[in-house]
Amino acid sequence: MYTLAEKVQAGLQGMTVPLRVAVMGCVVNGPGEAREADLGVASGNGKGQIFVKGQVIKTVPEAQIVETLIEEAMRLAEEMEAAGVASGEPSVDVH
C-alpha cells in the first residue's frame, strides 16, 4: 500500500494544483471512505478501482494502477487549472 502511494506521489511531483489523492486498500469501502478526495484508487485482488469524487470510473489490472492514476491526475489538474483553482501541492493519503 505504501509503495503504491509513494509511486503515485512521485508521479505527481511538480504538479501545481492542490489535488487530493486517496490510496485505499479495500475495493468494497474505498470509494465511499475517500469521497472527499478528488481522485483515488482502491486496490485488491490484483486490480484497482480508479475513482473521481467517490465515483468509480474504471477498473484496471494492478500493473496499470499507477500509470492510470497519474493520467487521471493530470487530466483533473488541467481541469482545475482551467477553472482557476488556487495553486498548491497535491496530497496523497493512505487508508
N, C-alpha and C. Protein backbone atom coordinates (compact mmCIF):
# COMPACT_ATOMS: atom_id res chain seq x y z
N MET A 1 0.83 -1.19 0.00
CA MET A 1 0.00 0.00 0.00
C MET A 1 0.87 1.25 0.00
N TYR A 2 1.83 1.31 0.92
CA TYR A 2 2.68 2.50 0.99
C TYR A 2 3.56 2.62 -0.24
N THR A 3 3.99 1.50 -0.82
CA THR A 3 4.78 1.55 -2.04
C THR A 3 3.96 2.17 -3.15
N LEU A 4 2.70 1.77 -3.26
CA LEU A 4 1.80 2.34 -4.27
C LEU A 4 1.66 3.84 -4.05
N ALA A 5 1.44 4.24 -2.82
CA ALA A 5 1.29 5.67 -2.51
C ALA A 5 2.56 6.44 -2.84
N GLU A 6 3.71 5.85 -2.56
CA GLU A 6 4.99 6.51 -2.86
C GLU A 6 5.16 6.68 -4.36
N LYS A 7 4.78 5.67 -5.14
CA LYS A 7 4.88 5.77 -6.60
C LYS A 7 3.94 6.84 -7.14
N VAL A 8 2.75 6.89 -6.59
CA VAL A 8 1.79 7.91 -7.01
C VAL A 8 2.32 9.30 -6.65
N GLN A 9 2.82 9.46 -5.45
CA GLN A 9 3.34 10.76 -5.02
C GLN A 9 4.50 11.19 -5.91
N ALA A 10 5.36 10.26 -6.27
CA ALA A 10 6.48 10.57 -7.16
C ALA A 10 5.96 11.02 -8.53
N GLY A 11 4.91 10.37 -9.01
CA GLY A 11 4.33 10.72 -10.30
C GLY A 11 3.66 12.08 -10.31
N LEU A 12 3.25 12.56 -9.15
CA LEU A 12 2.58 13.85 -9.04
C LEU A 12 3.55 15.00 -8.78
N GLN A 13 4.81 14.67 -8.61
CA GLN A 13 5.82 15.69 -8.31
C GLN A 13 5.84 16.75 -9.41
N GLY A 14 5.84 17.98 -9.01
CA GLY A 14 5.85 19.09 -9.96
C GLY A 14 4.46 19.61 -10.28
N MET A 15 3.43 18.89 -9.87
CA MET A 15 2.07 19.34 -10.10
C MET A 15 1.83 20.60 -9.27
N THR A 16 1.09 21.54 -9.83
CA THR A 16 0.92 22.82 -9.15
C THR A 16 -0.52 23.11 -8.72
N VAL A 17 -1.34 22.08 -8.58
CA VAL A 17 -2.70 22.26 -8.06
C VAL A 17 -2.87 21.39 -6.82
N PRO A 18 -3.73 21.80 -5.90
CA PRO A 18 -3.90 21.05 -4.65
C PRO A 18 -4.83 19.84 -4.80
N LEU A 19 -4.47 18.93 -5.67
CA LEU A 19 -5.25 17.72 -5.92
C LEU A 19 -5.15 16.79 -4.72
N ARG A 20 -6.28 16.29 -4.25
CA ARG A 20 -6.30 15.34 -3.13
C ARG A 20 -6.47 13.93 -3.68
N VAL A 21 -5.49 13.07 -3.40
CA VAL A 21 -5.49 11.70 -3.91
C VAL A 21 -5.53 10.74 -2.73
N ALA A 22 -6.41 9.75 -2.80
CA ALA A 22 -6.53 8.74 -1.74
C ALA A 22 -6.10 7.39 -2.28
N VAL A 23 -5.28 6.69 -1.52
CA VAL A 23 -4.86 5.33 -1.86
C VAL A 23 -5.45 4.42 -0.79
N MET A 24 -6.41 3.60 -1.20
CA MET A 24 -7.17 2.76 -0.28
C MET A 24 -6.82 1.29 -0.50
N GLY A 25 -6.97 0.50 0.54
CA GLY A 25 -6.66 -0.91 0.45
C GLY A 25 -7.85 -1.81 0.24
N CYS A 26 -9.05 -1.26 0.17
CA CYS A 26 -10.25 -2.09 0.11
C CYS A 26 -11.18 -1.59 -0.99
N VAL A 27 -11.46 -2.45 -1.99
CA VAL A 27 -12.34 -2.03 -3.08
C VAL A 27 -13.80 -1.93 -2.64
N VAL A 28 -14.16 -2.56 -1.54
CA VAL A 28 -15.54 -2.51 -1.07
C VAL A 28 -15.86 -1.14 -0.48
N ASN A 29 -15.03 -0.66 0.43
CA ASN A 29 -15.29 0.60 1.13
C ASN A 29 -14.49 1.78 0.62
N GLY A 30 -13.47 1.52 -0.18
CA GLY A 30 -12.54 2.57 -0.59
C GLY A 30 -13.17 3.83 -1.16
N PRO A 31 -13.96 3.74 -2.24
CA PRO A 31 -14.52 4.96 -2.82
C PRO A 31 -15.39 5.75 -1.84
N GLY A 32 -16.17 5.09 -1.04
CA GLY A 32 -17.02 5.78 -0.07
C GLY A 32 -16.22 6.46 1.02
N GLU A 33 -15.20 5.77 1.52
CA GLU A 33 -14.38 6.33 2.60
C GLU A 33 -13.55 7.52 2.12
N ALA A 34 -13.23 7.55 0.85
CA ALA A 34 -12.38 8.62 0.33
C ALA A 34 -13.16 9.58 -0.57
N ARG A 35 -14.46 9.71 -0.34
CA ARG A 35 -15.29 10.54 -1.20
C ARG A 35 -14.89 12.02 -1.20
N GLU A 36 -14.15 12.45 -0.19
CA GLU A 36 -13.70 13.84 -0.15
C GLU A 36 -12.48 14.06 -1.04
N ALA A 37 -11.85 12.98 -1.49
CA ALA A 37 -10.68 13.11 -2.36
C ALA A 37 -11.12 13.46 -3.77
N ASP A 38 -10.25 14.13 -4.49
CA ASP A 38 -10.53 14.44 -5.89
C ASP A 38 -10.39 13.18 -6.74
N LEU A 39 -9.43 12.35 -6.36
CA LEU A 39 -9.07 11.17 -7.14
C LEU A 39 -8.58 10.10 -6.19
N GLY A 40 -8.79 8.85 -6.54
CA GLY A 40 -8.29 7.80 -5.67
C GLY A 40 -8.26 6.45 -6.34
N VAL A 41 -7.70 5.51 -5.60
CA VAL A 41 -7.67 4.12 -6.04
C VAL A 41 -7.93 3.25 -4.83
N ALA A 42 -8.70 2.21 -5.07
CA ALA A 42 -8.93 1.18 -4.06
C ALA A 42 -8.44 -0.11 -4.70
N SER A 43 -7.45 -0.75 -4.08
CA SER A 43 -6.84 -1.91 -4.72
C SER A 43 -7.08 -3.19 -3.94
N GLY A 44 -7.06 -4.28 -4.67
CA GLY A 44 -7.22 -5.60 -4.07
C GLY A 44 -7.46 -6.64 -5.15
N ASN A 45 -7.13 -7.87 -4.85
CA ASN A 45 -7.35 -8.99 -5.78
C ASN A 45 -6.73 -8.76 -7.16
N GLY A 46 -5.57 -8.11 -7.19
CA GLY A 46 -4.85 -7.94 -8.45
C GLY A 46 -5.40 -6.86 -9.36
N LYS A 47 -6.27 -6.00 -8.85
CA LYS A 47 -6.81 -4.93 -9.68
C LYS A 47 -7.03 -3.69 -8.83
N GLY A 48 -7.29 -2.59 -9.49
CA GLY A 48 -7.55 -1.34 -8.79
C GLY A 48 -8.74 -0.63 -9.39
N GLN A 49 -9.60 -0.12 -8.53
CA GLN A 49 -10.72 0.70 -8.98
C GLN A 49 -10.29 2.15 -8.87
N ILE A 50 -10.34 2.86 -9.98
CA ILE A 50 -9.98 4.27 -10.02
C ILE A 50 -11.28 5.05 -9.84
N PHE A 51 -11.26 6.01 -8.92
CA PHE A 51 -12.48 6.79 -8.71
C PHE A 51 -12.18 8.28 -8.65
N VAL A 52 -13.17 9.05 -9.07
CA VAL A 52 -13.11 10.51 -9.06
C VAL A 52 -14.30 10.99 -8.25
N LYS A 53 -14.02 11.79 -7.21
CA LYS A 53 -15.08 12.32 -6.33
C LYS A 53 -15.98 11.21 -5.81
N GLY A 54 -15.39 10.06 -5.48
CA GLY A 54 -16.14 8.95 -4.88
C GLY A 54 -16.85 8.04 -5.86
N GLN A 55 -16.80 8.35 -7.15
CA GLN A 55 -17.47 7.53 -8.17
C GLN A 55 -16.43 6.72 -8.95
N VAL A 56 -16.62 5.41 -9.01
CA VAL A 56 -15.69 4.55 -9.76
C VAL A 56 -15.83 4.88 -11.24
N ILE A 57 -14.69 5.16 -11.88
CA ILE A 57 -14.71 5.47 -13.31
C ILE A 57 -14.12 4.35 -14.15
N LYS A 58 -13.28 3.51 -13.53
CA LYS A 58 -12.73 2.36 -14.27
C LYS A 58 -12.04 1.42 -13.31
N THR A 59 -11.88 0.19 -13.77
CA THR A 59 -11.13 -0.83 -13.04
C THR A 59 -10.00 -1.28 -13.94
N VAL A 60 -8.79 -1.32 -13.38
CA VAL A 60 -7.61 -1.66 -14.17
C VAL A 60 -6.80 -2.75 -13.47
N PRO A 61 -6.01 -3.52 -14.24
CA PRO A 61 -5.12 -4.51 -13.63
C PRO A 61 -4.11 -3.81 -12.72
N GLU A 62 -3.64 -4.52 -11.72
CA GLU A 62 -2.70 -3.97 -10.74
C GLU A 62 -1.50 -3.30 -11.39
N ALA A 63 -0.99 -3.89 -12.46
CA ALA A 63 0.20 -3.35 -13.12
C ALA A 63 -0.05 -1.99 -13.77
N GLN A 64 -1.31 -1.61 -13.96
CA GLN A 64 -1.63 -0.34 -14.62
C GLN A 64 -2.16 0.72 -13.66
N ILE A 65 -2.21 0.42 -12.37
CA ILE A 65 -2.80 1.35 -11.40
C ILE A 65 -2.08 2.69 -11.39
N VAL A 66 -0.78 2.68 -11.20
CA VAL A 66 -0.03 3.94 -11.06
C VAL A 66 -0.15 4.77 -12.33
N GLU A 67 0.09 4.15 -13.47
CA GLU A 67 0.03 4.86 -14.75
C GLU A 67 -1.36 5.48 -14.96
N THR A 68 -2.40 4.71 -14.71
CA THR A 68 -3.76 5.20 -14.91
C THR A 68 -4.09 6.32 -13.93
N LEU A 69 -3.68 6.16 -12.69
CA LEU A 69 -3.95 7.19 -11.68
C LEU A 69 -3.24 8.50 -12.03
N ILE A 70 -2.02 8.42 -12.50
CA ILE A 70 -1.28 9.63 -12.88
C ILE A 70 -1.94 10.30 -14.09
N GLU A 71 -2.38 9.50 -15.07
CA GLU A 71 -3.07 10.06 -16.23
C GLU A 71 -4.32 10.81 -15.80
N GLU A 72 -5.11 10.21 -14.92
CA GLU A 72 -6.33 10.86 -14.43
C GLU A 72 -5.98 12.10 -13.62
N ALA A 73 -4.91 12.04 -12.84
CA ALA A 73 -4.48 13.20 -12.05
C ALA A 73 -4.12 14.36 -12.97
N MET A 74 -3.42 14.08 -14.05
CA MET A 74 -3.04 15.13 -14.99
C MET A 74 -4.28 15.74 -15.65
N ARG A 75 -5.25 14.89 -15.99
CA ARG A 75 -6.49 15.37 -16.59
C ARG A 75 -7.24 16.28 -15.62
N LEU A 76 -7.36 15.83 -14.37
CA LEU A 76 -8.04 16.63 -13.35
C LEU A 76 -7.30 17.93 -13.06
N ALA A 77 -5.98 17.87 -13.05
CA ALA A 77 -5.17 19.07 -12.81
C ALA A 77 -5.42 20.11 -13.90
N GLU A 78 -5.52 19.66 -15.14
CA GLU A 78 -5.80 20.58 -16.24
C GLU A 78 -7.16 21.24 -16.05
N GLU A 79 -8.16 20.44 -15.64
CA GLU A 79 -9.50 20.97 -15.39
C GLU A 79 -9.47 21.99 -14.25
N MET A 80 -8.72 21.66 -13.20
CA MET A 80 -8.64 22.55 -12.04
C MET A 80 -7.96 23.86 -12.42
N GLU A 81 -6.89 23.77 -13.21
CA GLU A 81 -6.19 24.98 -13.64
C GLU A 81 -7.09 25.84 -14.51
N ALA A 82 -7.84 25.20 -15.42
CA ALA A 82 -8.75 25.94 -16.30
C ALA A 82 -9.85 26.63 -15.50
N ALA A 83 -10.24 26.01 -14.38
CA ALA A 83 -11.29 26.58 -13.53
C ALA A 83 -10.74 27.65 -12.58
N GLY A 84 -9.43 27.86 -12.61
CA GLY A 84 -8.82 28.89 -11.78
C GLY A 84 -8.60 28.49 -10.34
N VAL A 85 -8.48 27.19 -10.08
CA VAL A 85 -8.22 26.72 -8.72
C VAL A 85 -6.85 27.21 -8.27
N ALA A 86 -6.76 27.66 -7.04
CA ALA A 86 -5.51 28.18 -6.50
C ALA A 86 -4.40 27.15 -6.61
N SER A 87 -3.19 27.62 -6.75
CA SER A 87 -2.06 26.71 -6.85
C SER A 87 -1.73 26.12 -5.48
N GLY A 88 -1.04 25.01 -5.52
CA GLY A 88 -0.64 24.32 -4.30
C GLY A 88 -0.08 22.96 -4.62
N GLU A 89 0.30 22.25 -3.60
CA GLU A 89 0.89 20.92 -3.76
C GLU A 89 -0.20 19.86 -3.68
N PRO A 90 -0.09 18.79 -4.48
CA PRO A 90 -1.04 17.69 -4.32
C PRO A 90 -0.75 16.94 -3.02
N SER A 91 -1.76 16.27 -2.49
CA SER A 91 -1.55 15.46 -1.28
C SER A 91 -2.03 14.04 -1.54
N VAL A 92 -1.32 13.07 -0.98
CA VAL A 92 -1.67 11.66 -1.11
C VAL A 92 -1.91 11.11 0.28
N ASP A 93 -3.10 10.57 0.50
CA ASP A 93 -3.46 9.97 1.78
C ASP A 93 -3.61 8.47 1.61
N VAL A 94 -3.12 7.72 2.59
CA VAL A 94 -3.20 6.26 2.57
C VAL A 94 -4.16 5.82 3.66
N HIS A 95 -5.09 4.97 3.30
CA HIS A 95 -6.06 4.44 4.26
C HIS A 95 -6.11 2.94 4.16
